[in-house]
């Protein structure tokens, strides 16, 4: 059904979709998630093998636990750090899409800002074998530790918001000429190889 100006609803929808799809922040999210997808595939395969294939083997509980160590290690190295990796990838993708001249600096800014925004102190439950465990003391406050509740898939939304905001701000501040440091002529330009 055509409207009064000759464009159908689908034509208007296609125009709006194209504008949204070309928005730099959404494009950067798309690129970052496309890059991190192999990690999620690897984690899915590890979970599948751990929970479907390995239990089919005729093993006792200890043997199964030993076999599942590999799948657990893969999960630890993929899903439990995915928010940190995604923050860096968003920073890199946003820098590339904004045509910023130093995308690696944006990776550092995004990851640093994400870690800065994490809780500085977490509560850890004491193990049954801990000498600190008593009837009244069952947990301890820990500083200088990162929780996988923040670095893993639970922290993805925070990683997205923090990376987009921090890198956007960094790119804008980097464009201010008065804030740039002018090095003397004795300093080689960036990227010059001295070998």
N, C-alpha and C. Protein backbone atom coordinates (compact mmCIF):
# COMPACT_ATOMS: atom_id res chain seq x y z
N UNK A 1 0.84 -1.17 0.00
CA UNK A 1 0.00 0.00 0.00
C UNK A 1 0.89 1.23 0.00
N UNK A 2 0.75 2.06 -0.99
CA UNK A 2 1.57 3.26 -1.11
C UNK A 2 0.94 4.40 -0.35
N UNK A 3 1.77 5.23 0.25
CA UNK A 3 1.27 6.40 0.97
C UNK A 3 1.12 7.56 0.00
N UNK A 4 0.71 8.72 0.54
CA UNK A 4 0.44 9.86 -0.33
C UNK A 4 1.68 10.36 -1.07
N UNK A 5 2.88 10.19 -0.54
CA UNK A 5 4.06 10.68 -1.24
C UNK A 5 4.70 9.59 -2.12
N UNK A 6 4.04 8.48 -2.30
CA UNK A 6 4.51 7.48 -3.23
C UNK A 6 5.42 6.42 -2.63
N UNK A 7 5.76 6.52 -1.35
CA UNK A 7 6.63 5.54 -0.72
C UNK A 7 5.79 4.57 0.10
N UNK A 8 6.09 3.33 -0.05
CA UNK A 8 5.38 2.33 0.74
C UNK A 8 5.98 2.26 2.14
N UNK A 9 5.29 1.59 3.01
CA UNK A 9 5.78 1.41 4.37
C UNK A 9 7.12 0.70 4.37
N UNK A 10 7.28 -0.29 3.50
CA UNK A 10 8.54 -1.02 3.43
C UNK A 10 9.70 -0.15 2.97
N UNK A 11 9.45 0.78 2.07
CA UNK A 11 10.50 1.70 1.63
C UNK A 11 10.95 2.59 2.78
N UNK A 12 9.98 3.12 3.51
CA UNK A 12 10.32 3.97 4.66
C UNK A 12 11.06 3.16 5.73
N UNK A 13 10.59 1.94 5.95
CA UNK A 13 11.23 1.07 6.93
C UNK A 13 12.67 0.77 6.51
N UNK A 14 12.89 0.54 5.23
CA UNK A 14 14.24 0.26 4.74
C UNK A 14 15.15 1.47 4.93
N UNK A 15 14.63 2.66 4.71
CA UNK A 15 15.43 3.88 4.91
C UNK A 15 15.83 4.05 6.37
N UNK A 16 14.87 3.87 7.26
CA UNK A 16 15.15 3.99 8.70
C UNK A 16 16.13 2.91 9.13
N UNK A 17 15.96 1.71 8.65
CA UNK A 17 16.86 0.61 9.00
C UNK A 17 18.28 0.88 8.52
N UNK A 18 18.42 1.45 7.35
CA UNK A 18 19.75 1.78 6.82
C UNK A 18 20.42 2.84 7.68
N UNK A 19 19.65 3.85 8.11
CA UNK A 19 20.22 4.89 8.96
C UNK A 19 20.65 4.33 10.30
N UNK A 20 19.82 3.48 10.89
CA UNK A 20 20.17 2.86 12.18
C UNK A 20 21.37 1.94 12.01
N UNK A 21 21.38 1.17 10.94
CA UNK A 21 22.49 0.25 10.70
C UNK A 21 23.81 0.93 10.44
N UNK A 22 23.78 2.16 9.96
CA UNK A 22 25.01 2.89 9.70
C UNK A 22 25.45 3.75 10.87
N UNK A 23 24.73 3.72 11.98
CA UNK A 23 25.13 4.47 13.16
C UNK A 23 26.43 3.87 13.68
N UNK A 24 27.42 4.70 13.97
CA UNK A 24 28.78 4.24 14.24
C UNK A 24 28.86 3.36 15.49
N UNK A 25 28.09 3.67 16.52
CA UNK A 25 28.16 2.88 17.74
C UNK A 25 27.54 1.49 17.54
N UNK A 26 26.44 1.43 16.83
CA UNK A 26 25.81 0.14 16.56
C UNK A 26 26.67 -0.69 15.60
N UNK A 27 27.29 -0.04 14.65
CA UNK A 27 28.20 -0.73 13.73
C UNK A 27 29.40 -1.30 14.48
N UNK A 28 29.88 -0.54 15.46
CA UNK A 28 31.01 -1.00 16.27
C UNK A 28 30.62 -2.19 17.13
N UNK A 29 29.41 -2.16 17.68
CA UNK A 29 28.92 -3.32 18.45
C UNK A 29 28.82 -4.55 17.56
N UNK A 30 28.30 -4.36 16.36
CA UNK A 30 28.18 -5.48 15.42
C UNK A 30 29.55 -6.08 15.12
N UNK A 31 30.53 -5.22 14.84
CA UNK A 31 31.87 -5.69 14.52
C UNK A 31 32.52 -6.41 15.70
N UNK A 32 32.33 -5.86 16.90
CA UNK A 32 32.93 -6.47 18.09
C UNK A 32 32.31 -7.84 18.36
N UNK A 33 30.99 -7.95 18.27
CA UNK A 33 30.35 -9.24 18.50
C UNK A 33 30.69 -10.24 17.40
N UNK A 34 30.84 -9.77 16.19
CA UNK A 34 31.24 -10.68 15.11
C UNK A 34 32.65 -11.22 15.36
N UNK A 35 33.51 -10.41 15.93
CA UNK A 35 34.88 -10.84 16.22
C UNK A 35 34.93 -11.81 17.38
N UNK A 36 34.08 -11.60 18.39
CA UNK A 36 34.13 -12.45 19.59
C UNK A 36 33.33 -13.75 19.43
N UNK A 37 32.57 -13.87 18.36
CA UNK A 37 31.74 -15.06 18.14
C UNK A 37 32.51 -16.38 18.22
N UNK A 38 33.73 -16.50 17.67
CA UNK A 38 34.45 -17.78 17.82
C UNK A 38 34.67 -18.20 19.27
N UNK A 39 34.84 -17.23 20.18
CA UNK A 39 34.98 -17.58 21.60
C UNK A 39 33.72 -18.25 22.11
N UNK A 40 32.56 -17.71 21.73
CA UNK A 40 31.30 -18.28 22.18
C UNK A 40 31.06 -19.66 21.57
N UNK A 41 31.47 -19.84 20.33
CA UNK A 41 31.34 -21.15 19.69
C UNK A 41 32.24 -22.16 20.39
N UNK A 42 33.47 -21.78 20.69
CA UNK A 42 34.39 -22.67 21.40
C UNK A 42 33.85 -23.03 22.78
N UNK A 43 33.30 -22.05 23.49
CA UNK A 43 32.72 -22.32 24.81
C UNK A 43 31.53 -23.26 24.69
N UNK A 44 30.70 -23.07 23.68
CA UNK A 44 29.56 -23.95 23.47
C UNK A 44 29.98 -25.38 23.19
N UNK A 45 31.02 -25.54 22.39
CA UNK A 45 31.52 -26.89 22.10
C UNK A 45 32.07 -27.53 23.37
N UNK A 46 32.80 -26.75 24.19
CA UNK A 46 33.35 -27.28 25.44
C UNK A 46 32.24 -27.71 26.40
N UNK A 47 31.19 -26.90 26.51
CA UNK A 47 30.06 -27.25 27.38
C UNK A 47 29.37 -28.50 26.85
N UNK A 48 29.19 -28.59 25.55
CA UNK A 48 28.56 -29.76 24.94
C UNK A 48 29.37 -31.03 25.23
N UNK A 49 30.66 -30.97 25.02
CA UNK A 49 31.51 -32.14 25.26
C UNK A 49 31.52 -32.50 26.74
N UNK A 50 31.63 -31.50 27.61
CA UNK A 50 31.67 -31.75 29.06
C UNK A 50 30.39 -32.39 29.57
N UNK A 51 29.25 -31.92 29.09
CA UNK A 51 27.98 -32.33 29.68
C UNK A 51 27.21 -33.38 28.89
N UNK A 52 27.62 -33.63 27.64
CA UNK A 52 26.90 -34.63 26.84
C UNK A 52 27.81 -35.79 26.45
N UNK A 53 29.01 -35.50 25.95
CA UNK A 53 29.89 -36.55 25.44
C UNK A 53 30.61 -37.28 26.58
N UNK A 54 31.27 -36.52 27.46
CA UNK A 54 32.05 -37.16 28.53
C UNK A 54 31.22 -38.03 29.47
N UNK A 55 29.99 -37.65 29.83
CA UNK A 55 29.20 -38.56 30.68
C UNK A 55 28.86 -39.90 30.04
N UNK A 56 29.00 -40.01 28.72
CA UNK A 56 28.75 -41.29 28.05
C UNK A 56 29.87 -42.30 28.28
N UNK A 57 31.06 -41.81 28.69
CA UNK A 57 32.19 -42.70 28.93
C UNK A 57 31.95 -43.49 30.21
N UNK A 58 32.37 -44.75 30.23
CA UNK A 58 32.19 -45.55 31.45
C UNK A 58 33.26 -45.20 32.50
N UNK A 59 33.08 -44.07 33.19
CA UNK A 59 34.05 -43.61 34.18
C UNK A 59 33.37 -43.42 35.52
N UNK A 60 34.17 -43.49 36.58
CA UNK A 60 33.63 -43.14 37.89
C UNK A 60 33.61 -41.62 38.03
N UNK A 61 33.11 -41.13 39.14
CA UNK A 61 32.95 -39.68 39.32
C UNK A 61 34.29 -38.95 39.27
N UNK A 62 35.33 -39.53 39.85
CA UNK A 62 36.65 -38.88 39.86
C UNK A 62 37.23 -38.82 38.45
N UNK A 63 37.08 -39.90 37.69
CA UNK A 63 37.58 -39.92 36.31
C UNK A 63 36.85 -38.93 35.43
N UNK A 64 35.53 -38.83 35.62
CA UNK A 64 34.73 -37.87 34.86
C UNK A 64 35.14 -36.44 35.20
N UNK A 65 35.37 -36.18 36.49
CA UNK A 65 35.79 -34.84 36.91
C UNK A 65 37.15 -34.48 36.32
N UNK A 66 38.06 -35.45 36.27
CA UNK A 66 39.37 -35.20 35.65
C UNK A 66 39.24 -34.91 34.17
N UNK A 67 38.37 -35.63 33.49
CA UNK A 67 38.16 -35.42 32.06
C UNK A 67 37.50 -34.07 31.79
N UNK A 68 36.59 -33.66 32.66
CA UNK A 68 35.88 -32.40 32.48
C UNK A 68 36.72 -31.18 32.82
N UNK A 69 37.91 -31.38 33.35
CA UNK A 69 38.81 -30.26 33.67
C UNK A 69 39.14 -29.45 32.43
N UNK A 70 39.32 -30.14 31.29
CA UNK A 70 39.67 -29.43 30.06
C UNK A 70 38.53 -28.54 29.59
N UNK A 71 37.32 -29.05 29.62
CA UNK A 71 36.17 -28.23 29.23
C UNK A 71 35.96 -27.06 30.17
N UNK A 72 36.20 -27.29 31.45
CA UNK A 72 36.07 -26.19 32.43
C UNK A 72 37.14 -25.13 32.19
N UNK A 73 38.34 -25.55 31.81
CA UNK A 73 39.42 -24.59 31.52
C UNK A 73 39.08 -23.76 30.28
N UNK A 74 38.48 -24.39 29.29
CA UNK A 74 38.08 -23.66 28.08
C UNK A 74 36.99 -22.65 28.43
N UNK A 75 36.04 -23.05 29.26
CA UNK A 75 34.99 -22.14 29.69
C UNK A 75 35.57 -20.97 30.47
N UNK A 76 36.52 -21.26 31.36
CA UNK A 76 37.17 -20.20 32.13
C UNK A 76 37.89 -19.22 31.22
N UNK A 77 38.52 -19.71 30.17
CA UNK A 77 39.28 -18.85 29.27
C UNK A 77 38.45 -18.16 28.21
N UNK A 78 37.17 -18.50 28.10
CA UNK A 78 36.33 -17.87 27.09
C UNK A 78 35.20 -17.09 27.75
N UNK A 79 34.24 -17.77 28.31
CA UNK A 79 33.06 -17.09 28.85
C UNK A 79 33.37 -16.22 30.06
N UNK A 80 34.28 -16.67 30.92
CA UNK A 80 34.54 -15.93 32.16
C UNK A 80 35.39 -14.69 31.97
N UNK A 81 35.92 -14.46 30.79
CA UNK A 81 36.65 -13.21 30.51
C UNK A 81 36.04 -12.47 29.32
N UNK A 82 34.87 -12.90 28.89
CA UNK A 82 34.31 -12.34 27.66
C UNK A 82 33.96 -10.85 27.78
N UNK A 83 33.60 -10.37 28.96
CA UNK A 83 33.28 -8.95 29.10
C UNK A 83 34.54 -8.10 28.91
N UNK A 84 35.66 -8.56 29.43
CA UNK A 84 36.92 -7.81 29.26
C UNK A 84 37.33 -7.80 27.79
N UNK A 85 37.25 -8.96 27.15
CA UNK A 85 37.61 -9.05 25.74
C UNK A 85 36.67 -8.20 24.89
N UNK A 86 35.38 -8.25 25.20
CA UNK A 86 34.41 -7.47 24.44
C UNK A 86 34.63 -5.97 24.60
N UNK A 87 34.99 -5.53 25.80
CA UNK A 87 35.26 -4.11 26.01
C UNK A 87 36.40 -3.65 25.10
N UNK A 88 37.47 -4.44 25.05
CA UNK A 88 38.59 -4.10 24.16
C UNK A 88 38.21 -4.11 22.70
N UNK A 89 37.42 -5.10 22.29
CA UNK A 89 36.99 -5.17 20.89
C UNK A 89 36.07 -4.03 20.50
N UNK A 90 35.21 -3.62 21.42
CA UNK A 90 34.35 -2.47 21.15
C UNK A 90 35.20 -1.22 20.99
N UNK A 91 36.20 -1.05 21.85
CA UNK A 91 37.09 0.09 21.73
C UNK A 91 37.81 0.10 20.39
N UNK A 92 38.31 -1.05 19.98
CA UNK A 92 39.02 -1.15 18.70
C UNK A 92 38.08 -0.88 17.53
N UNK A 93 36.90 -1.50 17.56
CA UNK A 93 35.95 -1.32 16.46
C UNK A 93 35.47 0.11 16.35
N UNK A 94 35.21 0.74 17.49
CA UNK A 94 34.76 2.13 17.47
C UNK A 94 35.86 3.04 16.93
N UNK A 95 37.10 2.79 17.32
CA UNK A 95 38.21 3.60 16.80
C UNK A 95 38.35 3.42 15.29
N UNK A 96 38.24 2.19 14.81
CA UNK A 96 38.33 1.94 13.37
C UNK A 96 37.17 2.60 12.62
N UNK A 97 35.96 2.49 13.16
CA UNK A 97 34.80 3.07 12.49
C UNK A 97 34.81 4.59 12.54
N UNK A 98 35.44 5.16 13.54
CA UNK A 98 35.57 6.62 13.64
C UNK A 98 36.82 7.12 12.91
N UNK A 99 37.59 6.19 12.35
CA UNK A 99 38.85 6.49 11.64
C UNK A 99 39.85 7.20 12.57
N UNK A 100 39.90 6.75 13.81
CA UNK A 100 40.84 7.29 14.78
C UNK A 100 42.21 6.71 14.47
N UNK A 101 43.27 7.50 14.61
CA UNK A 101 44.59 7.07 14.16
C UNK A 101 45.29 6.08 15.08
N UNK A 102 44.80 5.86 16.30
CA UNK A 102 45.46 4.93 17.23
C UNK A 102 44.42 4.02 17.88
N UNK A 103 43.94 3.00 17.17
CA UNK A 103 42.90 2.14 17.74
C UNK A 103 43.36 1.32 18.94
N UNK A 104 44.66 1.02 19.03
CA UNK A 104 45.13 0.25 20.18
C UNK A 104 45.04 1.06 21.48
N UNK A 105 45.20 2.36 21.39
CA UNK A 105 45.01 3.20 22.57
C UNK A 105 43.57 3.12 23.05
N UNK A 106 42.65 2.99 22.12
CA UNK A 106 41.23 2.87 22.48
C UNK A 106 40.94 1.53 23.15
N UNK A 107 41.65 0.49 22.75
CA UNK A 107 41.51 -0.81 23.41
C UNK A 107 41.94 -0.68 24.87
N UNK A 108 43.08 -0.04 25.09
CA UNK A 108 43.60 0.15 26.46
C UNK A 108 42.63 0.99 27.28
N UNK A 109 42.10 2.06 26.71
CA UNK A 109 41.17 2.93 27.42
C UNK A 109 39.90 2.16 27.78
N UNK A 110 39.35 1.39 26.86
CA UNK A 110 38.11 0.66 27.10
C UNK A 110 38.28 -0.39 28.21
N UNK A 111 39.35 -1.17 28.14
CA UNK A 111 39.58 -2.20 29.16
C UNK A 111 39.87 -1.55 30.51
N UNK A 112 40.69 -0.51 30.51
CA UNK A 112 41.01 0.17 31.77
C UNK A 112 39.77 0.78 32.41
N UNK A 113 38.95 1.44 31.61
CA UNK A 113 37.73 2.05 32.14
C UNK A 113 36.79 0.97 32.69
N UNK A 114 36.72 -0.16 32.01
CA UNK A 114 35.86 -1.25 32.48
C UNK A 114 36.35 -1.79 33.82
N UNK A 115 37.64 -2.01 33.95
CA UNK A 115 38.19 -2.52 35.21
C UNK A 115 38.06 -1.48 36.31
N UNK A 116 38.25 -0.21 35.99
CA UNK A 116 38.09 0.86 36.98
C UNK A 116 36.67 0.88 37.54
N UNK A 117 35.69 0.61 36.71
CA UNK A 117 34.29 0.66 37.14
C UNK A 117 33.84 -0.59 37.90
N UNK A 118 34.68 -1.61 37.96
CA UNK A 118 34.34 -2.82 38.72
C UNK A 118 34.45 -2.54 40.21
N UNK A 119 33.76 -3.32 41.03
CA UNK A 119 33.89 -3.14 42.48
C UNK A 119 35.34 -3.32 42.93
N UNK A 120 35.80 -2.44 43.81
CA UNK A 120 37.17 -2.51 44.29
C UNK A 120 37.33 -3.52 45.42
N UNK A 121 36.21 -3.96 45.97
CA UNK A 121 36.23 -4.93 47.06
C UNK A 121 35.09 -5.92 46.84
N UNK A 122 35.40 -7.20 46.95
CA UNK A 122 34.37 -8.21 46.77
C UNK A 122 34.30 -9.08 48.02
N UNK A 123 33.18 -9.72 48.22
CA UNK A 123 32.99 -10.62 49.35
C UNK A 123 33.20 -12.05 48.86
N UNK A 124 34.13 -12.75 49.52
CA UNK A 124 34.43 -14.13 49.15
C UNK A 124 33.97 -15.06 50.27
N UNK A 125 33.34 -16.15 49.89
CA UNK A 125 32.92 -17.15 50.87
C UNK A 125 34.11 -18.01 51.21
N UNK A 126 34.35 -18.21 52.50
CA UNK A 126 35.50 -18.99 52.93
C UNK A 126 35.25 -20.48 52.71
N UNK A 127 36.29 -21.17 52.30
CA UNK A 127 36.21 -22.61 52.09
C UNK A 127 36.11 -23.32 53.43
N UNK A 128 35.58 -24.52 53.41
CA UNK A 128 35.42 -25.29 54.65
C UNK A 128 36.76 -25.60 55.29
N UNK A 129 37.84 -25.60 54.52
CA UNK A 129 39.17 -25.91 55.05
C UNK A 129 39.92 -24.67 55.51
N UNK A 130 39.33 -23.49 55.38
CA UNK A 130 40.02 -22.25 55.74
C UNK A 130 40.17 -22.14 57.26
N UNK A 131 41.36 -21.75 57.71
CA UNK A 131 41.54 -21.56 59.16
C UNK A 131 40.78 -20.34 59.68
N UNK A 132 40.32 -19.47 58.80
CA UNK A 132 39.57 -18.28 59.21
C UNK A 132 38.09 -18.58 59.46
N UNK A 133 37.63 -19.74 58.98
CA UNK A 133 36.21 -20.09 59.08
C UNK A 133 35.84 -20.42 60.52
N UNK A 134 34.84 -19.71 61.03
CA UNK A 134 34.28 -19.98 62.36
C UNK A 134 32.77 -20.00 62.24
N UNK A 135 32.10 -20.14 63.38
CA UNK A 135 30.64 -20.11 63.36
C UNK A 135 30.12 -18.74 62.96
N UNK A 136 30.87 -17.68 63.30
CA UNK A 136 30.42 -16.32 63.01
C UNK A 136 31.01 -15.76 61.72
N UNK A 137 32.18 -16.24 61.34
CA UNK A 137 32.86 -15.72 60.14
C UNK A 137 32.79 -16.76 59.04
N UNK A 138 32.01 -16.46 57.99
CA UNK A 138 31.88 -17.39 56.86
C UNK A 138 32.34 -16.76 55.55
N UNK A 139 32.65 -15.45 55.59
CA UNK A 139 33.10 -14.77 54.38
C UNK A 139 34.14 -13.73 54.75
N UNK A 140 34.84 -13.25 53.73
CA UNK A 140 35.87 -12.23 53.94
C UNK A 140 35.81 -11.22 52.81
N UNK A 141 36.12 -9.98 53.14
CA UNK A 141 36.22 -8.92 52.13
C UNK A 141 37.59 -9.01 51.48
N UNK A 142 37.61 -9.03 50.15
CA UNK A 142 38.85 -9.19 49.39
C UNK A 142 39.02 -7.98 48.49
N UNK A 143 40.23 -7.41 48.51
CA UNK A 143 40.55 -6.32 47.58
C UNK A 143 41.60 -6.82 46.60
N UNK A 144 41.68 -6.16 45.45
CA UNK A 144 42.67 -6.52 44.45
C UNK A 144 42.31 -7.78 43.68
N UNK A 145 41.03 -8.13 43.63
CA UNK A 145 40.59 -9.32 42.90
C UNK A 145 39.46 -8.94 41.96
N UNK A 146 39.40 -9.62 40.84
CA UNK A 146 38.30 -9.44 39.89
C UNK A 146 37.39 -10.66 39.98
N UNK A 147 36.11 -10.41 40.06
CA UNK A 147 35.14 -11.50 40.13
C UNK A 147 34.67 -11.86 38.73
N UNK A 148 34.52 -13.15 38.48
CA UNK A 148 34.02 -13.57 37.18
C UNK A 148 32.56 -13.16 37.00
N UNK A 149 31.90 -12.76 38.09
CA UNK A 149 30.55 -12.21 37.95
C UNK A 149 30.58 -10.89 37.19
N UNK A 150 31.72 -10.20 37.21
CA UNK A 150 31.87 -8.94 36.48
C UNK A 150 32.62 -9.10 35.17
N UNK A 151 33.55 -10.04 35.10
CA UNK A 151 34.37 -10.19 33.90
C UNK A 151 33.76 -11.14 32.88
N UNK A 152 32.79 -11.93 33.30
CA UNK A 152 32.19 -12.91 32.40
C UNK A 152 30.95 -12.39 31.70
N UNK A 153 30.10 -13.30 31.33
CA UNK A 153 28.93 -12.93 30.56
C UNK A 153 27.95 -12.05 31.34
N UNK A 154 27.99 -12.11 32.67
CA UNK A 154 27.13 -11.23 33.47
C UNK A 154 27.53 -9.77 33.33
N UNK A 155 28.76 -9.50 32.96
CA UNK A 155 29.24 -8.13 32.85
C UNK A 155 29.21 -7.57 31.44
N UNK A 156 28.60 -8.28 30.50
CA UNK A 156 28.60 -7.82 29.10
C UNK A 156 27.91 -6.47 28.92
N UNK A 157 26.76 -6.29 29.55
CA UNK A 157 26.02 -5.04 29.36
C UNK A 157 26.85 -3.86 29.89
N UNK A 158 27.46 -4.03 31.06
CA UNK A 158 28.31 -2.97 31.61
C UNK A 158 29.51 -2.72 30.71
N UNK A 159 30.09 -3.78 30.17
CA UNK A 159 31.25 -3.63 29.27
C UNK A 159 30.87 -2.83 28.03
N UNK A 160 29.70 -3.09 27.48
CA UNK A 160 29.25 -2.37 26.28
C UNK A 160 29.11 -0.88 26.57
N UNK A 161 28.38 -0.56 27.63
CA UNK A 161 28.12 0.85 27.96
C UNK A 161 29.42 1.57 28.29
N UNK A 162 30.25 0.98 29.15
CA UNK A 162 31.49 1.63 29.58
C UNK A 162 32.45 1.80 28.42
N UNK A 163 32.59 0.78 27.58
CA UNK A 163 33.51 0.88 26.45
C UNK A 163 33.06 1.95 25.47
N UNK A 164 31.78 1.97 25.14
CA UNK A 164 31.29 2.99 24.20
C UNK A 164 31.47 4.39 24.75
N UNK A 165 31.13 4.60 26.00
CA UNK A 165 31.26 5.94 26.60
C UNK A 165 32.72 6.38 26.74
N UNK A 166 33.56 5.49 27.27
CA UNK A 166 34.95 5.89 27.52
C UNK A 166 35.71 6.13 26.22
N UNK A 167 35.51 5.30 25.22
CA UNK A 167 36.24 5.48 23.96
C UNK A 167 35.71 6.70 23.20
N UNK A 168 34.41 6.92 23.22
CA UNK A 168 33.86 8.12 22.58
C UNK A 168 34.44 9.38 23.22
N UNK A 169 34.49 9.40 24.55
CA UNK A 169 35.07 10.54 25.26
C UNK A 169 36.56 10.68 24.96
N UNK A 170 37.28 9.55 24.92
CA UNK A 170 38.71 9.59 24.62
C UNK A 170 38.98 10.13 23.21
N UNK A 171 38.18 9.71 22.24
CA UNK A 171 38.37 10.19 20.86
C UNK A 171 38.08 11.69 20.79
N UNK A 172 37.03 12.13 21.48
CA UNK A 172 36.71 13.57 21.47
C UNK A 172 37.82 14.39 22.14
N UNK A 173 38.32 13.93 23.28
CA UNK A 173 39.39 14.65 23.99
C UNK A 173 40.68 14.64 23.18
N UNK A 174 40.93 13.54 22.48
CA UNK A 174 42.15 13.45 21.67
C UNK A 174 42.15 14.44 20.52
N UNK A 175 40.99 14.92 20.12
CA UNK A 175 40.90 15.88 19.01
C UNK A 175 41.13 17.32 19.45
N UNK A 176 41.24 17.57 20.75
CA UNK A 176 41.46 18.93 21.24
C UNK A 176 42.95 19.27 21.11
N UNK A 177 43.25 20.25 20.26
CA UNK A 177 44.65 20.61 19.98
C UNK A 177 45.38 21.12 21.21
N UNK A 178 44.70 21.86 22.08
CA UNK A 178 45.35 22.43 23.26
C UNK A 178 45.81 21.37 24.26
N UNK A 179 45.25 20.18 24.19
CA UNK A 179 45.63 19.11 25.11
C UNK A 179 46.73 18.21 24.55
N UNK A 180 47.11 18.42 23.30
CA UNK A 180 48.15 17.59 22.70
C UNK A 180 49.52 18.02 23.18
N UNK A 181 50.37 17.03 23.43
CA UNK A 181 51.74 17.29 23.87
C UNK A 181 52.63 17.34 22.63
N UNK A 182 53.35 18.44 22.49
CA UNK A 182 54.27 18.59 21.35
C UNK A 182 55.66 18.14 21.79
N UNK A 183 56.17 17.12 21.12
CA UNK A 183 57.49 16.61 21.43
C UNK A 183 58.52 17.33 20.57
N UNK A 184 59.73 17.38 21.08
CA UNK A 184 60.80 18.06 20.35
C UNK A 184 61.19 17.34 19.08
N UNK A 185 62.07 17.97 18.33
CA UNK A 185 62.50 17.38 17.06
C UNK A 185 63.41 16.18 17.25
N UNK A 186 63.99 16.02 18.44
CA UNK A 186 64.88 14.89 18.70
C UNK A 186 64.13 13.58 18.92
N UNK A 187 62.80 13.65 19.06
CA UNK A 187 62.00 12.45 19.28
C UNK A 187 61.53 11.92 17.93
N UNK A 188 61.78 10.64 17.65
CA UNK A 188 61.35 10.10 16.35
C UNK A 188 59.83 10.03 16.28
N UNK A 189 59.27 10.17 15.09
CA UNK A 189 57.81 10.08 14.94
C UNK A 189 57.34 8.67 15.27
N UNK A 190 56.05 8.57 15.67
CA UNK A 190 55.48 7.28 16.02
C UNK A 190 55.54 6.36 14.81
N UNK A 191 55.91 5.13 15.08
CA UNK A 191 55.94 4.12 14.00
C UNK A 191 57.30 4.03 13.31
N UNK A 192 58.24 4.89 13.66
CA UNK A 192 59.56 4.84 13.03
C UNK A 192 60.35 3.69 13.63
N UNK A 193 60.87 2.84 12.81
CA UNK A 193 61.68 1.71 13.27
C UNK A 193 63.13 2.16 13.38
N UNK A 194 63.75 1.84 14.50
CA UNK A 194 65.13 2.24 14.71
C UNK A 194 66.11 1.14 14.38
N UNK A 195 65.65 0.03 13.88
CA UNK A 195 66.56 -1.08 13.57
C UNK A 195 67.13 -0.97 12.19
